[in-house]
């Protein structure tokens, strides 16, 4: 299992709608946070090791309603 974080820029006034749709409609989305800065939301997603990250972002996230832009961060190791 691999973890990715996706920063999402939404249409004005639509961040809460995007967050709700992502959590309800995309199984791999674990958590969605509202954030400050250039982006409106940060999504934490868990993908199977063999799942293509690019296809997931393009087909499952960027196709959600009211998304203007995304920025994806791929993780390497979790420390605890």
N, C-alpha and C. Protein backbone atom coordinates (compact mmCIF):
# COMPACT_ATOMS: atom_id res chain seq x y z
N UNK A 1 0.85 -1.17 0.00
CA UNK A 1 0.00 0.00 0.00
C UNK A 1 0.90 1.24 0.00
N UNK A 2 0.56 2.22 -0.85
CA UNK A 2 1.32 3.47 -0.87
C UNK A 2 0.38 4.63 -0.54
N UNK A 3 0.96 5.65 0.05
CA UNK A 3 0.21 6.83 0.46
C UNK A 3 0.60 8.00 -0.42
N UNK A 4 -0.40 8.74 -0.90
CA UNK A 4 -0.14 9.97 -1.62
C UNK A 4 -0.99 11.08 -1.00
N UNK A 5 -0.53 12.31 -1.15
CA UNK A 5 -1.29 13.48 -0.73
C UNK A 5 -1.56 14.30 -1.98
N UNK A 6 -2.80 14.75 -2.12
CA UNK A 6 -3.17 15.56 -3.27
C UNK A 6 -3.69 16.90 -2.77
N UNK A 7 -3.02 17.97 -3.18
CA UNK A 7 -3.47 19.31 -2.88
C UNK A 7 -4.45 19.68 -3.98
N UNK A 8 -5.59 20.27 -3.59
CA UNK A 8 -6.65 20.56 -4.56
C UNK A 8 -7.05 22.02 -4.48
N UNK A 9 -7.11 22.67 -5.64
CA UNK A 9 -7.63 24.02 -5.76
C UNK A 9 -9.04 23.90 -6.33
N UNK A 10 -10.02 24.50 -5.64
CA UNK A 10 -11.43 24.36 -6.01
C UNK A 10 -11.98 25.65 -6.61
N UNK A 11 -13.10 25.52 -7.29
CA UNK A 11 -13.85 26.69 -7.71
C UNK A 11 -14.26 27.45 -6.44
N UNK A 12 -14.37 28.76 -6.53
CA UNK A 12 -14.71 29.56 -5.36
C UNK A 12 -16.02 29.10 -4.73
N UNK A 13 -15.97 28.92 -3.40
CA UNK A 13 -17.16 28.54 -2.65
C UNK A 13 -17.53 27.07 -2.73
N UNK A 14 -16.67 26.24 -3.32
CA UNK A 14 -17.02 24.83 -3.53
C UNK A 14 -16.14 23.83 -2.78
N UNK A 15 -15.25 24.29 -1.93
CA UNK A 15 -14.32 23.38 -1.24
C UNK A 15 -15.05 22.32 -0.41
N UNK A 16 -16.09 22.71 0.30
CA UNK A 16 -16.81 21.75 1.13
C UNK A 16 -17.53 20.71 0.27
N UNK A 17 -18.06 21.15 -0.86
CA UNK A 17 -18.71 20.22 -1.78
C UNK A 17 -17.71 19.22 -2.35
N UNK A 18 -16.54 19.71 -2.74
CA UNK A 18 -15.50 18.83 -3.28
C UNK A 18 -15.05 17.83 -2.22
N UNK A 19 -14.84 18.30 -1.00
CA UNK A 19 -14.41 17.41 0.09
C UNK A 19 -15.43 16.31 0.34
N UNK A 20 -16.69 16.67 0.39
CA UNK A 20 -17.74 15.68 0.63
C UNK A 20 -17.82 14.66 -0.49
N UNK A 21 -17.74 15.14 -1.73
CA UNK A 21 -17.82 14.23 -2.88
C UNK A 21 -16.64 13.27 -2.90
N UNK A 22 -15.45 13.78 -2.59
CA UNK A 22 -14.25 12.92 -2.60
C UNK A 22 -14.36 11.81 -1.57
N UNK A 23 -14.77 12.16 -0.36
CA UNK A 23 -14.88 11.15 0.71
C UNK A 23 -15.97 10.12 0.39
N UNK A 24 -17.07 10.58 -0.18
CA UNK A 24 -18.19 9.69 -0.46
C UNK A 24 -17.99 8.83 -1.70
N UNK A 25 -17.31 9.37 -2.72
CA UNK A 25 -17.28 8.72 -4.02
C UNK A 25 -15.97 7.98 -4.35
N UNK A 26 -14.88 8.33 -3.70
CA UNK A 26 -13.58 7.75 -4.04
C UNK A 26 -13.09 6.91 -2.87
N UNK A 27 -13.11 5.61 -3.05
CA UNK A 27 -12.77 4.66 -1.98
C UNK A 27 -11.37 4.89 -1.42
N UNK A 28 -10.42 5.27 -2.26
CA UNK A 28 -9.03 5.42 -1.83
C UNK A 28 -8.78 6.68 -1.01
N UNK A 29 -9.72 7.61 -0.99
CA UNK A 29 -9.56 8.83 -0.20
C UNK A 29 -9.83 8.51 1.26
N UNK A 30 -8.80 8.67 2.09
CA UNK A 30 -8.90 8.36 3.51
C UNK A 30 -9.38 9.56 4.31
N UNK A 31 -8.78 10.71 4.05
CA UNK A 31 -9.09 11.93 4.79
C UNK A 31 -8.98 13.13 3.86
N UNK A 32 -9.76 14.15 4.14
CA UNK A 32 -9.66 15.41 3.41
C UNK A 32 -9.61 16.54 4.43
N UNK A 33 -8.61 17.40 4.28
CA UNK A 33 -8.43 18.53 5.19
C UNK A 33 -8.62 19.83 4.43
N UNK A 34 -9.30 20.81 5.03
CA UNK A 34 -9.28 22.16 4.48
C UNK A 34 -7.98 22.80 4.97
N UNK A 35 -7.32 23.54 4.09
CA UNK A 35 -6.00 24.08 4.40
C UNK A 35 -5.92 25.54 3.95
N UNK A 36 -4.90 26.22 4.42
CA UNK A 36 -4.65 27.59 3.99
C UNK A 36 -3.56 27.58 2.93
N UNK A 37 -3.45 28.67 2.20
CA UNK A 37 -2.40 28.79 1.20
C UNK A 37 -2.94 28.74 -0.21
N UNK A 38 -2.11 28.30 -1.15
CA UNK A 38 -2.46 28.28 -2.57
C UNK A 38 -3.56 27.27 -2.90
N UNK A 39 -3.69 26.25 -2.09
CA UNK A 39 -4.68 25.20 -2.34
C UNK A 39 -5.74 25.23 -1.24
N UNK A 40 -6.90 24.68 -1.54
CA UNK A 40 -8.03 24.70 -0.61
C UNK A 40 -8.14 23.43 0.23
N UNK A 41 -7.77 22.30 -0.36
CA UNK A 41 -7.92 21.00 0.31
C UNK A 41 -6.65 20.18 0.18
N UNK A 42 -6.46 19.27 1.13
CA UNK A 42 -5.41 18.26 1.04
C UNK A 42 -6.06 16.90 1.27
N UNK A 43 -5.92 16.02 0.29
CA UNK A 43 -6.50 14.68 0.37
C UNK A 43 -5.41 13.66 0.65
N UNK A 44 -5.67 12.79 1.61
CA UNK A 44 -4.77 11.69 1.91
C UNK A 44 -5.38 10.45 1.28
N UNK A 45 -4.63 9.79 0.42
CA UNK A 45 -5.15 8.64 -0.31
C UNK A 45 -4.22 7.44 -0.15
N UNK A 46 -4.81 6.27 -0.04
CA UNK A 46 -4.06 5.02 0.01
C UNK A 46 -4.33 4.25 -1.27
N UNK A 47 -3.25 3.94 -1.99
CA UNK A 47 -3.36 3.19 -3.24
C UNK A 47 -2.68 1.84 -3.10
N UNK A 48 -3.19 0.86 -3.83
CA UNK A 48 -2.49 -0.42 -3.89
C UNK A 48 -1.14 -0.21 -4.55
N UNK A 49 -0.15 -1.02 -4.20
CA UNK A 49 1.19 -0.86 -4.73
C UNK A 49 1.23 -0.91 -6.25
N UNK A 50 0.35 -1.68 -6.85
CA UNK A 50 0.36 -1.81 -8.31
C UNK A 50 -0.55 -0.80 -9.01
N UNK A 51 -1.23 0.06 -8.25
CA UNK A 51 -2.13 1.05 -8.85
C UNK A 51 -1.32 2.23 -9.37
N UNK A 52 -1.59 2.65 -10.59
CA UNK A 52 -0.88 3.76 -11.22
C UNK A 52 -1.37 5.09 -10.63
N UNK A 53 -0.45 5.85 -10.05
CA UNK A 53 -0.79 7.11 -9.40
C UNK A 53 -1.34 8.12 -10.39
N UNK A 54 -0.72 8.23 -11.54
CA UNK A 54 -1.16 9.19 -12.54
C UNK A 54 -2.57 8.93 -13.02
N UNK A 55 -2.86 7.66 -13.31
CA UNK A 55 -4.22 7.32 -13.73
C UNK A 55 -5.23 7.58 -12.62
N UNK A 56 -4.87 7.26 -11.38
CA UNK A 56 -5.77 7.51 -10.26
C UNK A 56 -6.11 8.99 -10.15
N UNK A 57 -5.10 9.85 -10.15
CA UNK A 57 -5.33 11.28 -10.00
C UNK A 57 -6.15 11.81 -11.18
N UNK A 58 -5.77 11.43 -12.39
CA UNK A 58 -6.47 11.92 -13.58
C UNK A 58 -7.90 11.43 -13.68
N UNK A 59 -8.14 10.19 -13.34
CA UNK A 59 -9.45 9.59 -13.56
C UNK A 59 -10.38 9.64 -12.36
N UNK A 60 -9.84 9.64 -11.14
CA UNK A 60 -10.67 9.59 -9.95
C UNK A 60 -10.78 10.92 -9.22
N UNK A 61 -9.74 11.73 -9.27
CA UNK A 61 -9.74 13.00 -8.51
C UNK A 61 -10.04 14.19 -9.41
N UNK A 62 -9.30 14.34 -10.50
CA UNK A 62 -9.47 15.52 -11.34
C UNK A 62 -10.82 15.56 -12.05
N UNK A 63 -11.52 14.46 -12.07
CA UNK A 63 -12.85 14.43 -12.70
C UNK A 63 -13.97 14.78 -11.73
N UNK A 64 -13.66 14.97 -10.44
CA UNK A 64 -14.68 15.40 -9.49
C UNK A 64 -15.14 16.82 -9.84
N UNK A 65 -16.37 17.13 -9.50
CA UNK A 65 -16.93 18.45 -9.80
C UNK A 65 -16.19 19.56 -9.07
N UNK A 66 -16.04 20.70 -9.72
CA UNK A 66 -15.54 21.94 -9.12
C UNK A 66 -14.07 21.94 -8.74
N UNK A 67 -13.26 21.07 -9.35
CA UNK A 67 -11.82 21.09 -9.12
C UNK A 67 -11.16 21.88 -10.24
N UNK A 68 -10.30 22.84 -9.85
CA UNK A 68 -9.59 23.68 -10.82
C UNK A 68 -8.17 23.19 -11.07
N UNK A 69 -7.50 22.65 -10.03
CA UNK A 69 -6.09 22.30 -10.16
C UNK A 69 -5.73 21.31 -9.06
N UNK A 70 -4.71 20.49 -9.31
CA UNK A 70 -4.21 19.56 -8.29
C UNK A 70 -2.68 19.58 -8.29
N UNK A 71 -2.13 19.18 -7.16
CA UNK A 71 -0.68 19.01 -7.00
C UNK A 71 -0.50 17.76 -6.15
N UNK A 72 0.18 16.75 -6.69
CA UNK A 72 0.29 15.45 -6.02
C UNK A 72 1.67 15.27 -5.41
N UNK A 73 1.71 14.80 -4.16
CA UNK A 73 2.95 14.46 -3.48
C UNK A 73 2.96 12.96 -3.22
N UNK A 74 4.01 12.31 -3.65
CA UNK A 74 4.18 10.87 -3.44
C UNK A 74 5.07 10.69 -2.22
N UNK A 75 4.66 9.80 -1.32
CA UNK A 75 5.44 9.58 -0.10
C UNK A 75 6.39 8.41 -0.28
N UNK A 76 7.44 8.37 0.55
CA UNK A 76 8.42 7.30 0.51
C UNK A 76 8.36 6.42 1.75
N UNK A 77 8.47 7.02 2.91
CA UNK A 77 8.51 6.25 4.16
C UNK A 77 7.77 7.02 5.25
N UNK A 78 7.01 6.28 6.03
CA UNK A 78 6.33 6.88 7.19
C UNK A 78 7.14 6.57 8.44
N UNK A 79 7.34 7.57 9.27
CA UNK A 79 8.07 7.39 10.52
C UNK A 79 7.09 7.50 11.68
N UNK A 80 7.28 6.67 12.68
CA UNK A 80 6.40 6.74 13.86
C UNK A 80 7.19 6.52 15.12
